[in-house]
PDB file of N, CA and C in Angstrom:
ATOM      1  N   UNK A   1      92.840 115.752 115.601  1.00  0.00           N
ATOM      2  CA  UNK A   1      93.800 116.108 116.628  1.00  0.00           C
ATOM      3  C   UNK A   1      93.219 115.795 117.997  1.00  0.00           C
ATOM      4  N   UNK A   2      94.105 115.477 118.931  1.00  0.00           N
ATOM      5  CA  UNK A   2      93.650 115.213 120.286  1.00  0.00           C
ATOM      6  C   UNK A   2      93.641 116.507 121.099  1.00  0.00           C
ATOM      7  N   UNK A   3      93.330 116.396 122.366  1.00  0.00           N
ATOM      8  CA  UNK A   3      93.169 117.571 123.222  1.00  0.00           C
ATOM      9  C   UNK A   3      94.435 118.419 123.265  1.00  0.00           C
ATOM     10  N   UNK A   4      95.606 117.804 123.276  1.00  0.00           N
ATOM     11  CA  UNK A   4      96.856 118.560 123.341  1.00  0.00           C
ATOM     12  C   UNK A   4      97.249 119.159 121.992  1.00  0.00           C
ATOM     13  N   UNK A   5      96.466 118.943 120.952  1.00  0.00           N
ATOM     14  CA  UNK A   5      96.779 119.481 119.633  1.00  0.00           C
ATOM     15  C   UNK A   5      97.747 118.635 118.837  1.00  0.00           C
ATOM     16  N   UNK A   6      98.000 117.400 119.287  1.00  0.00           N
ATOM     17  CA  UNK A   6      98.889 116.509 118.560  1.00  0.00           C
ATOM     18  C   UNK A   6      98.073 115.637 117.616  1.00  0.00           C
ATOM     19  N   UNK A   7      98.721 115.187 116.559  1.00  0.00           N
ATOM     20  CA  UNK A   7      98.048 114.293 115.624  1.00  0.00           C
ATOM     21  C   UNK A   7      97.775 112.953 116.286  1.00  0.00           C
ATOM     22  N   UNK A   8      96.609 112.400 116.007  1.00  0.00           N
ATOM     23  CA  UNK A   8      96.293 111.068 116.507  1.00  0.00           C
ATOM     24  C   UNK A   8      96.906 110.037 115.573  1.00  0.00           C
ATOM     25  N   UNK A   9      96.979 108.801 116.033  1.00  0.00           N
ATOM     26  CA  UNK A   9      97.524 107.718 115.217  1.00  0.00           C
ATOM     27  C   UNK A   9      96.769 107.591 113.895  1.00  0.00           C
ATOM     28  N   UNK A  10      95.452 107.751 113.931  1.00  0.00           N
ATOM     29  CA  UNK A  10      94.634 107.624 112.719  1.00  0.00           C
ATOM     30  C   UNK A  10      94.978 108.705 111.705  1.00  0.00           C
ATOM     31  N   UNK A  11      95.412 109.868 112.163  1.00  0.00           N
ATOM     32  CA  UNK A  11      95.764 110.939 111.241  1.00  0.00           C
ATOM     33  C   UNK A  11      97.164 110.743 110.669  1.00  0.00           C
ATOM     34  N   UNK A  12      98.035 110.098 111.420  1.00  0.00           N
ATOM     35  CA  UNK A  12      99.400 109.875 110.955  1.00  0.00           C
ATOM     36  C   UNK A  12      99.422 108.790 109.884  1.00  0.00           C
ATOM     37  N   UNK A  13      98.709 107.691 110.107  1.00  0.00           N
ATOM     38  CA  UNK A  13      98.679 106.569 109.176  1.00  0.00           C
ATOM     39  C   UNK A  13      97.301 106.477 108.543  1.00  0.00           C
ATOM     40  N   UNK A  14      97.261 106.570 107.227  1.00  0.00           N
ATOM     41  CA  UNK A  14      95.990 106.449 106.526  1.00  0.00           C
ATOM     42  C   UNK A  14      95.523 105.003 106.663  1.00  0.00           C
ATOM     43  N   UNK A  15      94.395 104.808 107.282  1.00  0.00           N
ATOM     44  CA  UNK A  15      93.940 103.463 107.621  1.00  0.00           C
ATOM     45  C   UNK A  15      93.152 102.846 106.471  1.00  0.00           C
ATOM     46  N   UNK A  16      93.901 102.407 105.479  1.00  0.00           N
ATOM     47  CA  UNK A  16      93.314 101.750 104.318  1.00  0.00           C
ATOM     48  C   UNK A  16      94.145 100.526 103.986  1.00  0.00           C
ATOM     49  N   UNK A  17      93.520  99.616 103.310  1.00  0.00           N
ATOM     50  CA  UNK A  17      94.210  98.460 102.753  1.00  0.00           C
ATOM     51  C   UNK A  17      93.542  98.167 101.416  1.00  0.00           C
ATOM     52  N   UNK A  18      94.281  97.566 100.507  1.00  0.00           N
ATOM     53  CA  UNK A  18      93.781  97.356  99.153  1.00  0.00           C
ATOM     54  C   UNK A  18      93.962  95.894  98.747  1.00  0.00           C
ATOM     55  N   UNK A  19      93.064  95.408  97.897  1.00  0.00           N
ATOM     56  CA  UNK A  19      93.164  94.062  97.341  1.00  0.00           C
ATOM     57  C   UNK A  19      93.301  94.166  95.833  1.00  0.00           C
ATOM     58  N   UNK A  20      94.357  93.581  95.296  1.00  0.00           N
ATOM     59  CA  UNK A  20      94.517  93.499  93.846  1.00  0.00           C
ATOM     60  C   UNK A  20      93.546  92.442  93.317  1.00  0.00           C
ATOM     61  N   UNK A  21      93.176  92.573  92.056  1.00  0.00           N
ATOM     62  CA  UNK A  21      92.227  91.631  91.453  1.00  0.00           C
ATOM     63  C   UNK A  21      92.715  90.180  91.545  1.00  0.00           C
ATOM     64  N   UNK A  22      94.023  89.965  91.349  1.00  0.00           N
ATOM     65  CA  UNK A  22      94.564  88.594  91.429  1.00  0.00           C
ATOM     66  C   UNK A  22      94.408  88.024  92.833  1.00  0.00           C
ATOM     67  N   UNK A  23      94.555  88.868  93.849  1.00  0.00           N
ATOM     68  CA  UNK A  23      94.360  88.407  95.231  1.00  0.00           C
ATOM     69  C   UNK A  23      92.902  88.036  95.464  1.00  0.00           C
ATOM     70  N   UNK A  24      91.991  88.850  94.965  1.00  0.00           N
ATOM     71  CA  UNK A  24      90.557  88.563  95.117  1.00  0.00           C
ATOM     72  C   UNK A  24      90.216  87.235  94.453  1.00  0.00           C
ATOM     73  N   UNK A  25      90.741  87.007  93.252  1.00  0.00           N
ATOM     74  CA  UNK A  25      90.485  85.744  92.552  1.00  0.00           C
ATOM     75  C   UNK A  25      90.966  84.553  93.381  1.00  0.00           C
ATOM     76  N   UNK A  26      92.159  84.657  93.958  1.00  0.00           N
ATOM     77  CA  UNK A  26      92.707  83.548  94.751  1.00  0.00           C
ATOM     78  C   UNK A  26      91.945  83.369  96.063  1.00  0.00           C
ATOM     79  N   UNK A  27      91.518  84.458  96.674  1.00  0.00           N
ATOM     80  CA  UNK A  27      90.705  84.375  97.894  1.00  0.00           C
ATOM     81  C   UNK A  27      89.427  83.592  97.610  1.00  0.00           C
ATOM     82  N   UNK A  28      88.814  83.856  96.460  1.00  0.00           N
ATOM     83  CA  UNK A  28      87.592  83.139  96.075  1.00  0.00           C
ATOM     84  C   UNK A  28      87.871  81.657  95.842  1.00  0.00           C
ATOM     85  N   UNK A  29      88.999  81.339  95.201  1.00  0.00           N
ATOM     86  CA  UNK A  29      89.367  79.943  94.952  1.00  0.00           C
ATOM     87  C   UNK A  29      89.568  79.207  96.276  1.00  0.00           C
ATOM     88  N   UNK A  30      90.299  79.812  97.189  1.00  0.00           N
ATOM     89  CA  UNK A  30      90.555  79.185  98.494  1.00  0.00           C
ATOM     90  C   UNK A  30      89.255  78.991  99.261  1.00  0.00           C
ATOM     91  N   UNK A  31      88.408  80.007  99.220  1.00  0.00           N
ATOM     92  CA  UNK A  31      87.116  79.928  99.923  1.00  0.00           C
ATOM     93  C   UNK A  31      86.293  78.753  99.378  1.00  0.00           C
ATOM     94  N   UNK A  32      86.252  78.628  98.059  1.00  0.00           N
ATOM     95  CA  UNK A  32      85.458  77.565  97.427  1.00  0.00           C
ATOM     96  C   UNK A  32      86.048  76.178  97.702  1.00  0.00           C
ATOM     97  N   UNK A  33      87.370  76.033  97.550  1.00  0.00           N
ATOM     98  CA  UNK A  33      88.025  74.737  97.769  1.00  0.00           C
ATOM     99  C   UNK A  33      87.848  74.231  99.192  1.00  0.00           C
ATOM    100  N   UNK A  34      87.796  75.149 100.149  1.00  0.00           N
ATOM    101  CA  UNK A  34      87.731  74.783 101.564  1.00  0.00           C
ATOM    102  C   UNK A  34      86.342  74.939 102.168  1.00  0.00           C
ATOM    103  N   UNK A  35      85.347  75.174 101.305  1.00  0.00           N
ATOM    104  CA  UNK A  35      83.954  75.331 101.754  1.00  0.00           C
ATOM    105  C   UNK A  35      83.807  76.353 102.883  1.00  0.00           C
ATOM    106  N   UNK A  36      84.477  77.474 102.738  1.00  0.00           N
ATOM    107  CA  UNK A  36      84.397  78.539 103.741  1.00  0.00           C
ATOM    108  C   UNK A  36      83.169  79.383 103.426  1.00  0.00           C
ATOM    109  N   UNK A  37      82.260  79.532 104.377  1.00  0.00           N
ATOM    110  CA  UNK A  37      81.032  80.296 104.133  1.00  0.00           C
ATOM    111  C   UNK A  37      81.327  81.733 103.692  1.00  0.00           C
ATOM    112  N   UNK A  38      80.470  82.248 102.851  1.00  0.00           N
ATOM    113  CA  UNK A  38      80.685  83.597 102.319  1.00  0.00           C
ATOM    114  C   UNK A  38      80.536  84.681 103.378  1.00  0.00           C
ATOM    115  N   UNK A  39      79.927  84.358 104.516  1.00  0.00           N
ATOM    116  CA  UNK A  39      79.801  85.377 105.562  1.00  0.00           C
ATOM    117  C   UNK A  39      81.076  85.509 106.406  1.00  0.00           C
ATOM    118  N   UNK A  40      82.046  84.619 106.217  1.00  0.00           N
ATOM    119  CA  UNK A  40      83.319  84.716 106.928  1.00  0.00           C
ATOM    120  C   UNK A  40      84.192  85.775 106.250  1.00  0.00           C
ATOM    121  N   UNK A  41      84.929  86.518 107.049  1.00  0.00           N
ATOM    122  CA  UNK A  41      85.822  87.532 106.508  1.00  0.00           C
ATOM    123  C   UNK A  41      87.260  87.046 106.498  1.00  0.00           C
ATOM    124  N   UNK A  42      88.051  87.659 105.643  1.00  0.00           N
ATOM    125  CA  UNK A  42      89.484  87.377 105.596  1.00  0.00           C
ATOM    126  C   UNK A  42      90.159  88.217 106.672  1.00  0.00           C
ATOM    127  N   UNK A  43      90.798  87.557 107.622  1.00  0.00           N
ATOM    128  CA  UNK A  43      91.519  88.276 108.674  1.00  0.00           C
ATOM    129  C   UNK A  43      92.980  88.393 108.250  1.00  0.00           C
ATOM    130  N   UNK A  44      93.454  89.628 108.186  1.00  0.00           N
ATOM    131  CA  UNK A  44      94.849  89.900 107.876  1.00  0.00           C
ATOM    132  C   UNK A  44      95.471  90.459 109.148  1.00  0.00           C
ATOM    133  N   UNK A  45      96.560  89.841 109.575  1.00  0.00           N
ATOM    134  CA  UNK A  45      97.202  90.320 110.795  1.00  0.00           C
ATOM    135  C   UNK A  45      98.717  90.223 110.672  1.00  0.00           C
ATOM    136  N   UNK A  46      99.375  90.767 111.677  1.00  0.00           N
ATOM    137  CA  UNK A  46     100.831  90.781 111.745  1.00  0.00           C
ATOM    138  C   UNK A  46     101.224  90.200 113.096  1.00  0.00           C
ATOM    139  N   UNK A  47     102.256  89.352 113.097  1.00  0.00           N
ATOM    140  CA  UNK A  47     102.770  88.836 114.367  1.00  0.00           C
ATOM    141  C   UNK A  47     104.293  88.875 114.324  1.00  0.00           C
ATOM    142  N   UNK A  48     104.896  88.843 115.488  1.00  0.00           N
ATOM    143  CA  UNK A  48     106.348  88.829 115.567  1.00  0.00           C
ATOM    144  C   UNK A  48     106.904  87.526 115.038  1.00  0.00           C
ATOM    145  N   UNK A  49     108.028  87.614 114.314  1.00  0.00           N
ATOM    146  CA  UNK A  49     108.673  86.413 113.801  1.00  0.00           C
ATOM    147  C   UNK A  49     109.348  86.663 112.472  1.00  0.00           C
ATOM    148  N   UNK A  50     110.010  85.656 111.966  1.00  0.00           N
ATOM    149  CA  UNK A  50     110.707  85.766 110.698  1.00  0.00           C
ATOM    150  C   UNK A  50     112.041  86.472 110.852  1.00  0.00           C
ATOM    151  N   UNK A  51     112.832  86.437 109.812  1.00  0.00           N
ATOM    152  CA  UNK A  51     114.178  87.003 109.896  1.00  0.00           C
ATOM    153  C   UNK A  51     114.186  88.528 109.910  1.00  0.00           C
ATOM    154  N   UNK A  52     113.080  89.169 109.538  1.00  0.00           N
ATOM    155  CA  UNK A  52     113.022  90.634 109.560  1.00  0.00           C
ATOM    156  C   UNK A  52     112.208  91.180 110.727  1.00  0.00           C
ATOM    157  N   UNK A  53     111.638  90.306 111.547  1.00  0.00           N
ATOM    158  CA  UNK A  53     110.974  90.754 112.764  1.00  0.00           C
ATOM    159  C   UNK A  53     109.470  90.602 112.814  1.00  0.00           C
ATOM    160  N   UNK A  54     108.784  90.743 111.683  1.00  0.00           N
ATOM    161  CA  UNK A  54     107.323  90.657 111.648  1.00  0.00           C
ATOM    162  C   UNK A  54     106.893  89.781 110.480  1.00  0.00           C
ATOM    163  N   UNK A  55     105.814  89.022 110.659  1.00  0.00           N
ATOM    164  CA  UNK A  55     105.284  88.201 109.575  1.00  0.00           C
ATOM    165  C   UNK A  55     103.801  88.493 109.372  1.00  0.00           C
ATOM    166  N   UNK A  56     103.351  88.265 108.157  1.00  0.00           N
ATOM    167  CA  UNK A  56     101.945  88.433 107.805  1.00  0.00           C
ATOM    168  C   UNK A  56     101.197  87.132 108.081  1.00  0.00           C
ATOM    169  N   UNK A  57      99.941  87.263 108.505  1.00  0.00           N
ATOM    170  CA  UNK A  57      99.102  86.093 108.765  1.00  0.00           C
ATOM    171  C   UNK A  57      97.766  86.302 108.055  1.00  0.00           C
ATOM    172  N   UNK A  58      97.328  85.290 107.309  1.00  0.00           N
ATOM    173  CA  UNK A  58      96.024  85.301 106.645  1.00  0.00           C
ATOM    174  C   UNK A  58      95.201  84.138 107.178  1.00  0.00           C
ATOM    175  N   UNK A  59      93.948  84.407 107.507  1.00  0.00           N
ATOM    176  CA  UNK A  59      93.038  83.364 107.984  1.00  0.00           C
ATOM    177  C   UNK A  59      91.612  83.831 107.738  1.00  0.00           C
ATOM    178  N   UNK A  60      90.684  82.908 107.781  1.00  0.00           N
ATOM    179  CA  UNK A  60      89.270  83.277 107.702  1.00  0.00           C
ATOM    180  C   UNK A  60      88.697  83.313 109.105  1.00  0.00           C
ATOM    181  N   UNK A  61      87.802  84.241 109.337  1.00  0.00           N
ATOM    182  CA  UNK A  61      87.194  84.408 110.653  1.00  0.00           C
ATOM    183  C   UNK A  61      85.707  84.674 110.468  1.00  0.00           C
ATOM    184  N   UNK A  62      84.902  84.042 111.313  1.00  0.00           N
ATOM    185  CA  UNK A  62      83.452  84.208 111.199  1.00  0.00           C
ATOM    186  C   UNK A  62      83.002  85.603 111.610  1.00  0.00           C
ATOM    187  N   UNK A  63      83.632  86.151 112.639  1.00  0.00           N
ATOM    188  CA  UNK A  63      83.192  87.441 113.172  1.00  0.00           C
ATOM    189  C   UNK A  63      84.355  88.398 113.361  1.00  0.00           C
ATOM    190  N   UNK A  64      84.041  89.667 113.274  1.00  0.00           N
ATOM    191  CA  UNK A  64      85.015  90.692 113.630  1.00  0.00           C
ATOM    192  C   UNK A  64      84.866  90.986 115.119  1.00  0.00           C
ATOM    193  N   UNK A  65      85.862  91.639 115.693  1.00  0.00           N
ATOM    194  CA  UNK A  65      85.780  92.064 117.090  1.00  0.00           C
ATOM    195  C   UNK A  65      85.476  93.557 117.123  1.00  0.00           C
ATOM    196  N   UNK A  66      85.146  94.059 118.296  1.00  0.00           N
ATOM    197  CA  UNK A  66      84.817  95.481 118.435  1.00  0.00           C
ATOM    198  C   UNK A  66      85.977  96.389 118.052  1.00  0.00           C
ATOM    199  N   UNK A  67      87.201  95.921 118.223  1.00  0.00           N
ATOM    200  CA  UNK A  67      88.359  96.764 117.921  1.00  0.00           C
ATOM    201  C   UNK A  67      88.915  96.555 116.510  1.00  0.00           C
ATOM    202  N   UNK A  68      88.291  95.687 115.722  1.00  0.00           N
ATOM    203  CA  UNK A  68      88.753  95.446 114.349  1.00  0.00           C
ATOM    204  C   UNK A  68      88.403  96.599 113.422  1.00  0.00           C
ATOM    205  N   UNK A  69      89.249  96.792 112.438  1.00  0.00           N
ATOM    206  CA  UNK A  69      88.905  97.617 111.283  1.00  0.00           C
ATOM    207  C   UNK A  69      88.248  96.642 110.309  1.00  0.00           C
ATOM    208  N   UNK A  70      87.080  96.972 109.816  1.00  0.00           N
ATOM    209  CA  UNK A  70      86.341  96.087 108.916  1.00  0.00           C
ATOM    210  C   UNK A  70      86.196  96.790 107.575  1.00  0.00           C
ATOM    211  N   UNK A  71      86.617  96.102 106.514  1.00  0.00           N
ATOM    212  CA  UNK A  71      86.556  96.648 105.166  1.00  0.00           C
ATOM    213  C   UNK A  71      85.706  95.734 104.290  1.00  0.00           C
ATOM    214  N   UNK A  72      85.046  96.308 103.314  1.00  0.00           N
ATOM    215  CA  UNK A  72      84.369  95.560 102.252  1.00  0.00           C
ATOM    216  C   UNK A  72      85.106  95.952 100.986  1.00  0.00           C
ATOM    217  N   UNK A  73      85.942  95.039 100.468  1.00  0.00           N
ATOM    218  CA  UNK A  73      86.800  95.343  99.332  1.00  0.00           C
ATOM    219  C   UNK A  73      86.524  94.363  98.200  1.00  0.00           C
ATOM    220  N   UNK A  74      86.037  94.881  97.100  1.00  0.00           N
ATOM    221  CA  UNK A  74      85.779  94.056  95.917  1.00  0.00           C
ATOM    222  C   UNK A  74      84.956  92.818  96.267  1.00  0.00           C
ATOM    223  N   UNK A  75      83.948  93.011  97.116  1.00  0.00           N
ATOM    224  CA  UNK A  75      83.059  91.926  97.499  1.00  0.00           C
ATOM    225  C   UNK A  75      83.591  91.020  98.597  1.00  0.00           C
ATOM    226  N   UNK A  76      84.733  91.356  99.169  1.00  0.00           N
ATOM    227  CA  UNK A  76      85.336  90.539 100.222  1.00  0.00           C
ATOM    228  C   UNK A  76      85.358  91.309 101.538  1.00  0.00           C
ATOM    229  N   UNK A  77      84.905  90.655 102.623  1.00  0.00           N
ATOM    230  CA  UNK A  77      85.024  91.251 103.953  1.00  0.00           C
ATOM    231  C   UNK A  77      86.441  91.016 104.451  1.00  0.00           C
ATOM    232  N   UNK A  78      87.050  92.070 104.978  1.00  0.00           N
ATOM    233  CA  UNK A  78      88.409  91.978 105.508  1.00  0.00           C
ATOM    234  C   UNK A  78      88.406  92.525 106.928  1.00  0.00           C
ATOM    235  N   UNK A  79      89.000  91.760 107.858  1.00  0.00           N
ATOM    236  CA  UNK A  79      89.114  92.175 109.256  1.00  0.00           C
ATOM    237  C   UNK A  79      90.592  92.384 109.582  1.00  0.00           C
ATOM    238  N   UNK A  80      90.892  93.502 110.230  1.00  0.00           N
ATOM    239  CA  UNK A  80      92.263  93.769 110.683  1.00  0.00           C
ATOM    240  C   UNK A  80      92.195  94.324 112.100  1.00  0.00           C
ATOM    241  N   UNK A  81      92.909  93.690 113.019  1.00  0.00           N
ATOM    242  CA  UNK A  81      92.913  94.181 114.393  1.00  0.00           C
ATOM    243  C   UNK A  81      93.698  95.495 114.473  1.00  0.00           C
ATOM    244  N   UNK A  82      93.454  96.250 115.530  1.00  0.00           N
ATOM    245  CA  UNK A  82      94.036  97.587 115.673  1.00  0.00           C
ATOM    246  C   UNK A  82      95.564  97.568 115.620  1.00  0.00           C
ATOM    247  N   UNK A  83      96.193  96.645 116.324  1.00  0.00           N
ATOM    248  CA  UNK A  83      97.655  96.582 116.343  1.00  0.00           C
ATOM    249  C   UNK A  83      98.207  96.301 114.948  1.00  0.00           C
ATOM    250  N   UNK A  84      97.602  95.346 114.243  1.00  0.00           N
ATOM    251  CA  UNK A  84      98.071  95.008 112.897  1.00  0.00           C
ATOM    252  C   UNK A  84      97.844  96.153 111.923  1.00  0.00           C
ATOM    253  N   UNK A  85      96.758  96.906 112.110  1.00  0.00           N
ATOM    254  CA  UNK A  85      96.463  98.026 111.213  1.00  0.00           C
ATOM    255  C   UNK A  85      97.588  99.047 111.230  1.00  0.00           C
ATOM    256  N   UNK A  86      98.212  99.207 112.371  1.00  0.00           N
ATOM    257  CA  UNK A  86      99.340 100.128 112.502  1.00  0.00           C
ATOM    258  C   UNK A  86     100.437  99.767 111.497  1.00  0.00           C
ATOM    259  N   UNK A  87     100.682  98.468 111.294  1.00  0.00           N
ATOM    260  CA  UNK A  87     101.729  98.000 110.386  1.00  0.00           C
ATOM    261  C   UNK A  87     101.243  97.814 108.949  1.00  0.00           C
ATOM    262  N   UNK A  88      99.930  97.671 108.752  1.00  0.00           N
ATOM    263  CA  UNK A  88      99.389  97.338 107.430  1.00  0.00           C
ATOM    264  C   UNK A  88      98.795  98.521 106.674  1.00  0.00           C
ATOM    265  N   UNK A  89      98.645  99.663 107.310  1.00  0.00           N
ATOM    266  CA  UNK A  89      98.008 100.815 106.657  1.00  0.00           C
ATOM    267  C   UNK A  89      98.693 101.116 105.327  1.00  0.00           C
ATOM    268  N   UNK A  90      97.890 101.192 104.271  1.00  0.00           N
ATOM    269  CA  UNK A  90      98.399 101.488 102.938  1.00  0.00           C
ATOM    270  C   UNK A  90      98.853 100.280 102.143  1.00  0.00           C
ATOM    271  N   UNK A  91      98.776  99.094 102.723  1.00  0.00           N
ATOM    272  CA  UNK A  91      99.258  97.872 102.074  1.00  0.00           C
ATOM    273  C   UNK A  91      98.288  97.389 100.998  1.00  0.00           C
ATOM    274  N   UNK A  92      98.849  96.846  99.923  1.00  0.00           N
ATOM    275  CA  UNK A  92      98.072  96.167  98.891  1.00  0.00           C
ATOM    276  C   UNK A  92      98.394  94.681  98.960  1.00  0.00           C
ATOM    277  N   UNK A  93      97.355  93.864  99.064  1.00  0.00           N
ATOM    278  CA  UNK A  93      97.519  92.414  99.021  1.00  0.00           C
ATOM    279  C   UNK A  93      97.334  91.975  97.579  1.00  0.00           C
ATOM    280  N   UNK A  94      98.350  91.318  97.035  1.00  0.00           N
ATOM    281  CA  UNK A  94      98.318  90.843  95.658  1.00  0.00           C
ATOM    282  C   UNK A  94      98.574  89.338  95.678  1.00  0.00           C
ATOM    283  N   UNK A  95      98.557  88.732  94.509  1.00  0.00           N
ATOM    284  CA  UNK A  95      98.844  87.307  94.391  1.00  0.00           C
ATOM    285  C   UNK A  95      99.751  87.106  93.198  1.00  0.00           C
ATOM    286  N   UNK A  96     100.791  86.287  93.369  1.00  0.00           N
ATOM    287  CA  UNK A  96     101.744  86.017  92.300  1.00  0.00           C
ATOM    288  C   UNK A  96     101.747  84.528  91.988  1.00  0.00           C
ATOM    289  N   UNK A  97     101.797  84.223  90.712  1.00  0.00           N
ATOM    290  CA  UNK A  97     101.866  82.835  90.256  1.00  0.00           C
ATOM    291  C   UNK A  97     103.017  82.721  89.261  1.00  0.00           C
ATOM    292  N   UNK A  98     104.155  83.304  89.629  1.00  0.00           N
ATOM    293  CA  UNK A  98     105.288  83.379  88.712  1.00  0.00           C
ATOM    294  C   UNK A  98     106.323  82.297  88.935  1.00  0.00           C
ATOM    295  N   UNK A  99     107.467  82.487  88.307  1.00  0.00           N
ATOM    296  CA  UNK A  99     108.552  81.516  88.374  1.00  0.00           C
ATOM    297  C   UNK A  99     109.149  81.390  89.773  1.00  0.00           C
ATOM    298  N   UNK A 100     109.069  82.443  90.562  1.00  0.00           N
ATOM    299  CA  UNK A 100     109.627  82.414  91.916  1.00  0.00           C
ATOM    300  C   UNK A 100     108.691  81.779  92.929  1.00  0.00           C
ATOM    301  N   UNK A 101     107.567  81.284  92.474  1.00  0.00           N
ATOM    302  CA  UNK A 101     106.631  80.632  93.381  1.00  0.00           C
ATOM    303  C   UNK A 101     105.250  81.231  93.305  1.00  0.00           C
ATOM    304  N   UNK A 102     104.358  80.593  94.001  1.00  0.00           N
ATOM    305  CA  UNK A 102     102.953  80.968  93.997  1.00  0.00           C
ATOM    306  C   UNK A 102     102.571  81.372  95.409  1.00  0.00           C
ATOM    307  N   UNK A 103     101.928  82.528  95.541  1.00  0.00           N
ATOM    308  CA  UNK A 103     101.490  82.934  96.868  1.00  0.00           C
ATOM    309  C   UNK A 103     101.070  84.381  96.926  1.00  0.00           C
ATOM    310  N   UNK A 104     100.545  84.763  98.083  1.00  0.00           N
ATOM    311  CA  UNK A 104     100.127  86.140  98.296  1.00  0.00           C
ATOM    312  C   UNK A 104     101.358  87.018  98.485  1.00  0.00           C
ATOM    313  N   UNK A 105     101.260  88.231  97.990  1.00  0.00           N
ATOM    314  CA  UNK A 105     102.347  89.203  98.062  1.00  0.00           C
ATOM    315  C   UNK A 105     101.807  90.457  98.729  1.00  0.00           C
ATOM    316  N   UNK A 106     102.520  90.947  99.727  1.00  0.00           N
ATOM    317  CA  UNK A 106     102.136  92.172 100.430  1.00  0.00           C
ATOM    318  C   UNK A 106     103.009  93.312  99.942  1.00  0.00           C
ATOM    319  N   UNK A 107     102.388  94.315  99.368  1.00  0.00           N
ATOM    320  CA  UNK A 107     103.101  95.525  98.949  1.00  0.00           C
ATOM    321  C   UNK A 107     102.846  96.563 100.038  1.00  0.00           C
ATOM    322  N   UNK A 108     103.770  96.613 100.994  1.00  0.00           N
ATOM    323  CA  UNK A 108     103.591  97.410 102.199  1.00  0.00           C
ATOM    324  C   UNK A 108     104.511  98.630 102.159  1.00  0.00           C
ATOM    325  N   UNK A 109     103.941  99.832 102.021  1.00  0.00           N
ATOM    326  CA  UNK A 109     104.776 101.034 101.945  1.00  0.00           C
ATOM    327  C   UNK A 109     105.502 101.350 103.251  1.00  0.00           C
ATOM    328  N   UNK A 110     105.096 100.736 104.341  1.00  0.00           N
ATOM    329  CA  UNK A 110     105.748 100.992 105.625  1.00  0.00           C
ATOM    330  C   UNK A 110     106.940 100.076 105.889  1.00  0.00           C
ATOM    331  N   UNK A 111     107.070  99.003 105.122  1.00  0.00           N
ATOM    332  CA  UNK A 111     108.165  98.055 105.337  1.00  0.00           C
ATOM    333  C   UNK A 111     109.484  98.702 104.920  1.00  0.00           C
ATOM    334  N   UNK A 112     110.413  98.765 105.861  1.00  0.00           N
ATOM    335  CA  UNK A 112     111.726  99.339 105.559  1.00  0.00           C
ATOM    336  C   UNK A 112     112.741  98.260 105.228  1.00  0.00           C
ATOM    337  N   UNK A 113     112.415  97.011 105.555  1.00  0.00           N
ATOM    338  CA  UNK A 113     113.269  95.883 105.190  1.00  0.00           C
ATOM    339  C   UNK A 113     112.399  94.647 105.042  1.00  0.00           C
ATOM    340  N   UNK A 114     112.818  93.755 104.164  1.00  0.00           N
ATOM    341  CA  UNK A 114     112.121  92.485 103.972  1.00  0.00           C
ATOM    342  C   UNK A 114     113.164  91.381 103.884  1.00  0.00           C
ATOM    343  N   UNK A 115     112.737  90.166 104.142  1.00  0.00           N
ATOM    344  CA  UNK A 115     113.658  89.043 104.018  1.00  0.00           C
ATOM    345  C   UNK A 115     113.711  88.599 102.556  1.00  0.00           C
ATOM    346  N   UNK A 116     114.674  87.783 102.236  1.00  0.00           N
ATOM    347  CA  UNK A 116     114.846  87.325 100.868  1.00  0.00           C
ATOM    348  C   UNK A 116     113.679  86.525 100.334  1.00  0.00           C
ATOM    349  N   UNK A 117     113.011  85.781 101.199  1.00  0.00           N
ATOM    350  CA  UNK A 117     111.890  84.955 100.734  1.00  0.00           C
ATOM    351  C   UNK A 117     110.573  85.725 100.743  1.00  0.00           C
ATOM    352  N   UNK A 118     110.558  86.947 101.297  1.00  0.00           N
ATOM    353  CA  UNK A 118     109.364  87.786 101.247  1.00  0.00           C
ATOM    354  C   UNK A 118     108.283  87.461 102.255  1.00  0.00           C
ATOM    355  N   UNK A 119     108.588  86.626 103.251  1.00  0.00           N
ATOM    356  CA  UNK A 119     107.552  86.267 104.214  1.00  0.00           C
ATOM    357  C   UNK A 119     107.597  87.101 105.484  1.00  0.00           C
ATOM    358  N   UNK A 120     108.644  87.901 105.669  1.00  0.00           N
ATOM    359  CA  UNK A 120     108.686  88.756 106.853  1.00  0.00           C
ATOM    360  C   UNK A 120     109.175  90.149 106.470  1.00  0.00           C
ATOM    361  N   UNK A 121     108.940  91.087 107.375  1.00  0.00           N
ATOM    362  CA  UNK A 121     109.310  92.476 107.113  1.00  0.00           C
ATOM    363  C   UNK A 121     109.618  93.185 108.417  1.00  0.00           C
ATOM    364  N   UNK A 122     110.202  94.355 108.295  1.00  0.00           N
ATOM    365  CA  UNK A 122     110.482  95.198 109.452  1.00  0.00           C
ATOM    366  C   UNK A 122     110.109  96.628 109.131  1.00  0.00           C
ATOM    367  N   UNK A 123     109.842  97.410 110.171  1.00  0.00           N
ATOM    368  CA  UNK A 123     109.501  98.830 109.987  1.00  0.00           C
ATOM    369  C   UNK A 123     110.431  99.699 110.808  1.00  0.00           C
TER     370      UNK A 123
END
């Protein structure tokens, strides 16, 4: 709680993120195919765009910043900036290789709407 006795943002949103085993396997494949050094972390972020208002962004980054949330999940370093963490708290990153296509899937409990193709969301 803060000085006024109100809940802080960290207390309202549980600041965790999860990686499914299939996502970890694909992260390793991408890292190997693209010769990405093992000391680079996976940066997960959110930016404005898409038909539902927000889109997910995945990239590799050599370093975290002072304001990043840094996780070590199943042997993978994950970096999430403070603003994106607000939208990603509680999310599980998975990977699908089904009939509807191949790609990463975000299971985000905060998303109140998603687009038909699954690449954007709204809260």
